[in-house]
N, C-alpha and C. Protein backbone atom coordinates (compact mmCIF):
# COMPACT_ATOMS: atom_id res chain seq x y z
N UNK A 1 8.71 -23.94 -21.65
CA UNK A 1 8.10 -24.35 -22.94
C UNK A 1 6.95 -25.24 -22.72
N UNK A 2 6.95 -26.07 -21.70
CA UNK A 2 5.96 -27.02 -21.51
C UNK A 2 4.71 -26.36 -20.99
N UNK A 3 4.93 -25.20 -20.20
CA UNK A 3 3.87 -24.49 -19.82
C UNK A 3 2.98 -23.88 -21.00
N UNK A 4 3.80 -23.19 -21.76
CA UNK A 4 3.18 -22.58 -22.96
C UNK A 4 2.38 -23.54 -23.88
N UNK A 5 3.02 -24.68 -24.08
CA UNK A 5 2.38 -25.73 -24.91
C UNK A 5 1.12 -26.23 -24.25
N UNK A 6 1.13 -26.41 -22.92
CA UNK A 6 0.03 -26.83 -22.15
C UNK A 6 -1.18 -25.68 -22.22
N UNK A 7 -0.89 -24.53 -22.23
CA UNK A 7 -1.87 -23.42 -22.32
C UNK A 7 -2.45 -23.44 -23.68
N UNK A 8 -1.61 -23.59 -24.70
CA UNK A 8 -2.16 -23.68 -26.04
C UNK A 8 -2.96 -24.85 -26.34
N UNK A 9 -2.68 -25.99 -25.61
CA UNK A 9 -3.55 -27.15 -25.83
C UNK A 9 -4.93 -26.90 -25.05
N UNK A 10 -4.84 -26.16 -24.00
CA UNK A 10 -5.99 -25.86 -23.22
C UNK A 10 -6.30 -24.42 -23.00
N UNK A 11 -6.82 -23.76 -24.07
CA UNK A 11 -6.88 -22.25 -24.15
C UNK A 11 -8.00 -21.85 -22.96
N UNK A 12 -8.84 -22.65 -22.59
CA UNK A 12 -9.85 -22.25 -21.59
C UNK A 12 -9.22 -21.97 -20.26
N UNK A 13 -8.10 -22.52 -19.94
CA UNK A 13 -7.36 -22.35 -18.71
C UNK A 13 -6.58 -20.96 -18.66
N UNK A 14 -6.30 -20.34 -19.82
CA UNK A 14 -5.61 -19.17 -19.84
C UNK A 14 -6.05 -17.95 -18.96
N UNK A 15 -7.34 -17.74 -18.82
CA UNK A 15 -7.85 -16.75 -17.98
C UNK A 15 -7.55 -17.07 -16.52
N UNK A 16 -7.64 -18.47 -16.17
CA UNK A 16 -7.39 -18.86 -14.89
C UNK A 16 -6.01 -18.42 -14.48
N UNK A 17 -5.07 -18.78 -15.32
CA UNK A 17 -3.63 -18.51 -15.08
C UNK A 17 -3.39 -16.98 -14.94
N UNK A 18 -4.14 -16.27 -15.81
CA UNK A 18 -3.84 -14.78 -15.82
C UNK A 18 -4.37 -14.13 -14.55
N UNK A 19 -5.55 -14.51 -14.15
CA UNK A 19 -6.10 -13.92 -12.84
C UNK A 19 -5.33 -14.43 -11.68
N UNK A 20 -4.98 -15.66 -11.60
CA UNK A 20 -4.26 -16.21 -10.43
C UNK A 20 -2.85 -15.53 -10.33
N UNK A 21 -2.29 -15.35 -11.55
CA UNK A 21 -0.90 -14.57 -11.50
C UNK A 21 -1.22 -13.16 -11.15
N UNK A 22 -2.30 -12.50 -11.55
CA UNK A 22 -2.54 -11.19 -11.16
C UNK A 22 -2.79 -11.04 -9.68
N UNK A 23 -3.52 -12.02 -9.05
CA UNK A 23 -3.83 -12.04 -7.63
C UNK A 23 -2.52 -12.20 -6.81
N UNK A 24 -1.65 -13.13 -7.35
CA UNK A 24 -0.28 -13.27 -6.66
C UNK A 24 0.49 -12.02 -6.62
N UNK A 25 0.55 -11.41 -7.72
CA UNK A 25 1.35 -10.08 -7.85
C UNK A 25 0.69 -9.03 -6.96
N UNK A 26 -0.45 -8.94 -6.91
CA UNK A 26 -1.16 -8.01 -5.96
C UNK A 26 -0.95 -8.49 -4.54
N UNK A 27 -0.94 -9.75 -4.15
CA UNK A 27 -0.53 -10.13 -2.84
C UNK A 27 0.74 -9.83 -2.31
N UNK A 28 1.71 -9.65 -3.27
CA UNK A 28 3.10 -9.28 -3.02
C UNK A 28 3.20 -7.75 -2.89
N UNK A 29 2.65 -7.07 -3.89
CA UNK A 29 2.91 -5.49 -4.05
C UNK A 29 2.13 -4.77 -3.04
N UNK A 30 0.98 -5.22 -2.55
CA UNK A 30 0.21 -4.43 -1.65
C UNK A 30 0.90 -4.39 -0.24
N UNK A 31 1.35 -5.36 0.37
CA UNK A 31 2.14 -5.18 1.51
C UNK A 31 3.45 -4.38 1.38
N UNK A 32 4.13 -4.47 0.19
CA UNK A 32 5.10 -3.53 -0.02
C UNK A 32 4.92 -2.13 -0.12
N UNK A 33 3.66 -1.90 -0.61
CA UNK A 33 3.08 -0.41 -0.67
C UNK A 33 2.75 0.00 0.77
N UNK A 34 2.17 -0.87 1.57
CA UNK A 34 1.99 -0.50 2.94
C UNK A 34 3.19 -0.27 3.73
N UNK A 35 4.16 -0.96 3.58
CA UNK A 35 5.45 -0.75 4.38
C UNK A 35 6.19 0.52 3.75
N UNK A 36 5.92 0.92 2.63
CA UNK A 36 6.55 2.04 2.12
C UNK A 36 5.91 3.34 2.60
N UNK A 37 4.61 3.38 2.59
CA UNK A 37 3.83 4.68 2.63
C UNK A 37 3.29 4.84 4.09
N UNK A 38 3.04 3.87 4.94
CA UNK A 38 2.34 4.05 6.25
C UNK A 38 3.30 4.23 7.33
N UNK A 39 3.25 5.37 7.95
CA UNK A 39 4.18 5.68 8.98
C UNK A 39 4.10 4.84 10.49
N UNK A 40 2.92 4.17 10.55
CA UNK A 40 2.74 3.50 11.73
C UNK A 40 3.35 2.14 11.73
N UNK A 41 3.84 1.67 10.44
CA UNK A 41 4.51 0.42 10.33
C UNK A 41 6.07 0.61 10.47
N UNK A 42 6.68 -0.07 11.39
CA UNK A 42 8.01 0.18 11.66
C UNK A 42 8.89 -0.96 11.07
N UNK A 43 9.93 -0.71 10.35
CA UNK A 43 10.85 -1.54 9.92
C UNK A 43 12.31 -1.35 10.42
N UNK A 44 12.67 -0.11 10.50
CA UNK A 44 13.95 0.33 10.94
C UNK A 44 13.80 1.09 12.26
N UNK A 45 13.86 0.35 13.39
CA UNK A 45 13.64 1.04 14.72
C UNK A 45 14.94 1.87 15.11
N UNK A 46 16.11 1.59 14.54
CA UNK A 46 17.25 2.32 14.98
C UNK A 46 17.35 3.68 14.38
N UNK A 47 16.94 4.00 13.15
CA UNK A 47 17.01 5.27 12.58
C UNK A 47 15.75 6.08 12.77
N UNK A 48 14.72 5.40 12.85
CA UNK A 48 13.29 6.12 13.00
C UNK A 48 12.42 5.49 14.02
N UNK A 49 12.81 5.61 15.31
CA UNK A 49 12.08 4.92 16.22
C UNK A 49 10.57 5.35 16.44
N UNK A 50 10.13 6.59 16.01
CA UNK A 50 8.85 7.11 16.10
C UNK A 50 8.37 7.64 14.86
N UNK A 51 8.07 6.78 13.96
CA UNK A 51 7.75 7.51 12.58
C UNK A 51 6.37 8.17 12.50
N UNK A 52 5.57 7.77 13.49
CA UNK A 52 4.23 8.45 13.51
C UNK A 52 4.28 9.93 13.82
N UNK A 53 5.42 10.32 14.45
CA UNK A 53 5.67 11.73 14.87
C UNK A 53 5.80 12.63 13.63
N UNK A 54 6.23 12.11 12.57
CA UNK A 54 6.57 12.82 11.45
C UNK A 54 5.36 13.25 10.64
N UNK A 55 4.14 12.68 11.06
CA UNK A 55 2.93 12.98 10.29
C UNK A 55 2.43 14.34 10.71
N UNK A 56 2.26 15.23 9.79
CA UNK A 56 1.73 16.55 10.09
C UNK A 56 0.26 16.52 10.35
N UNK A 57 -0.25 17.62 10.92
CA UNK A 57 -1.76 17.68 11.20
C UNK A 57 -2.61 17.67 9.95
N UNK A 58 -2.26 18.20 8.92
CA UNK A 58 -2.98 18.16 7.66
C UNK A 58 -2.64 17.18 6.74
N UNK A 59 -1.65 16.33 7.02
CA UNK A 59 -1.27 15.14 6.19
C UNK A 59 -2.28 13.94 6.19
N UNK A 60 -2.55 13.58 4.98
CA UNK A 60 -3.51 12.43 4.94
C UNK A 60 -2.74 11.24 4.59
N UNK A 61 -2.77 10.15 5.45
CA UNK A 61 -2.21 8.90 5.30
C UNK A 61 -3.13 7.77 5.11
N UNK A 62 -4.38 7.90 5.01
CA UNK A 62 -5.42 6.83 4.98
C UNK A 62 -5.34 6.29 3.51
N UNK A 63 -5.82 5.16 3.19
CA UNK A 63 -5.92 4.64 1.92
C UNK A 63 -6.95 5.28 1.11
N UNK A 64 -8.05 5.55 1.73
CA UNK A 64 -9.21 6.27 1.06
C UNK A 64 -9.72 7.42 1.95
N UNK A 65 -9.78 8.51 1.35
CA UNK A 65 -10.14 9.74 2.04
C UNK A 65 -11.56 10.17 1.70
N UNK A 66 -12.44 9.96 2.74
CA UNK A 66 -13.88 10.33 2.32
C UNK A 66 -14.29 11.81 2.70
N UNK A 67 -13.42 12.45 3.50
CA UNK A 67 -13.63 13.77 3.94
C UNK A 67 -12.52 14.64 3.64
N UNK A 68 -11.95 15.10 2.60
CA UNK A 68 -10.73 15.85 2.29
C UNK A 68 -10.76 17.18 2.91
N UNK A 69 -11.88 17.81 3.22
CA UNK A 69 -11.87 19.11 3.86
C UNK A 69 -11.42 19.06 5.28
N UNK A 70 -11.52 17.76 5.94
CA UNK A 70 -11.10 17.78 7.34
C UNK A 70 -9.52 18.19 7.41
N UNK A 71 -8.90 17.60 6.46
CA UNK A 71 -7.46 17.79 6.55
C UNK A 71 -7.03 19.09 6.10
N UNK A 72 -7.75 19.71 5.18
CA UNK A 72 -7.49 21.12 4.86
C UNK A 72 -7.72 22.09 5.91
N UNK A 73 -8.79 21.76 6.82
CA UNK A 73 -8.98 22.72 8.05
C UNK A 73 -7.98 22.75 9.02
N UNK A 74 -7.17 21.43 9.03
CA UNK A 74 -6.19 21.20 10.17
C UNK A 74 -4.87 21.95 9.78
N UNK A 75 -4.79 22.42 8.68
CA UNK A 75 -3.45 23.13 8.26
C UNK A 75 -3.04 24.21 9.18
N UNK A 76 -3.94 24.89 9.74
CA UNK A 76 -3.74 26.08 10.64
C UNK A 76 -3.20 25.62 11.92
N UNK A 77 -3.57 24.31 12.43
CA UNK A 77 -3.11 23.86 13.75
C UNK A 77 -1.66 23.64 13.80
N UNK A 78 -0.97 23.84 14.98
CA UNK A 78 0.42 23.59 15.07
C UNK A 78 0.48 22.09 15.57
N UNK A 79 1.74 21.63 15.26
CA UNK A 79 1.88 20.14 15.50
C UNK A 79 2.09 20.02 17.08
N UNK A 80 1.39 19.03 17.76
CA UNK A 80 1.43 19.06 19.30
C UNK A 80 2.92 18.40 19.57
N UNK A 81 3.44 18.70 20.78
CA UNK A 81 4.52 18.15 21.26
C UNK A 81 4.25 17.40 22.50
N UNK A 82 4.78 16.28 22.71
CA UNK A 82 4.54 15.40 23.85
C UNK A 82 5.67 15.25 24.86
């Protein structure tokens, strides 16, 4: 209650708290997104010791894809075994 009354007394600070809270939320959720979606980041080494081997030739795992035709052309290639 004290915080709400403080913001009501100083309405010019409301955008500051809004953007600072949004920045804190983004700082927490973006690393969680990276942990969930990127195969090169390891969390569980026991069940999946080599997660990068599950990536197919045509699978796109980058955050921004500037040349999507490249991955479409690679669909015909077979997955290499090492």
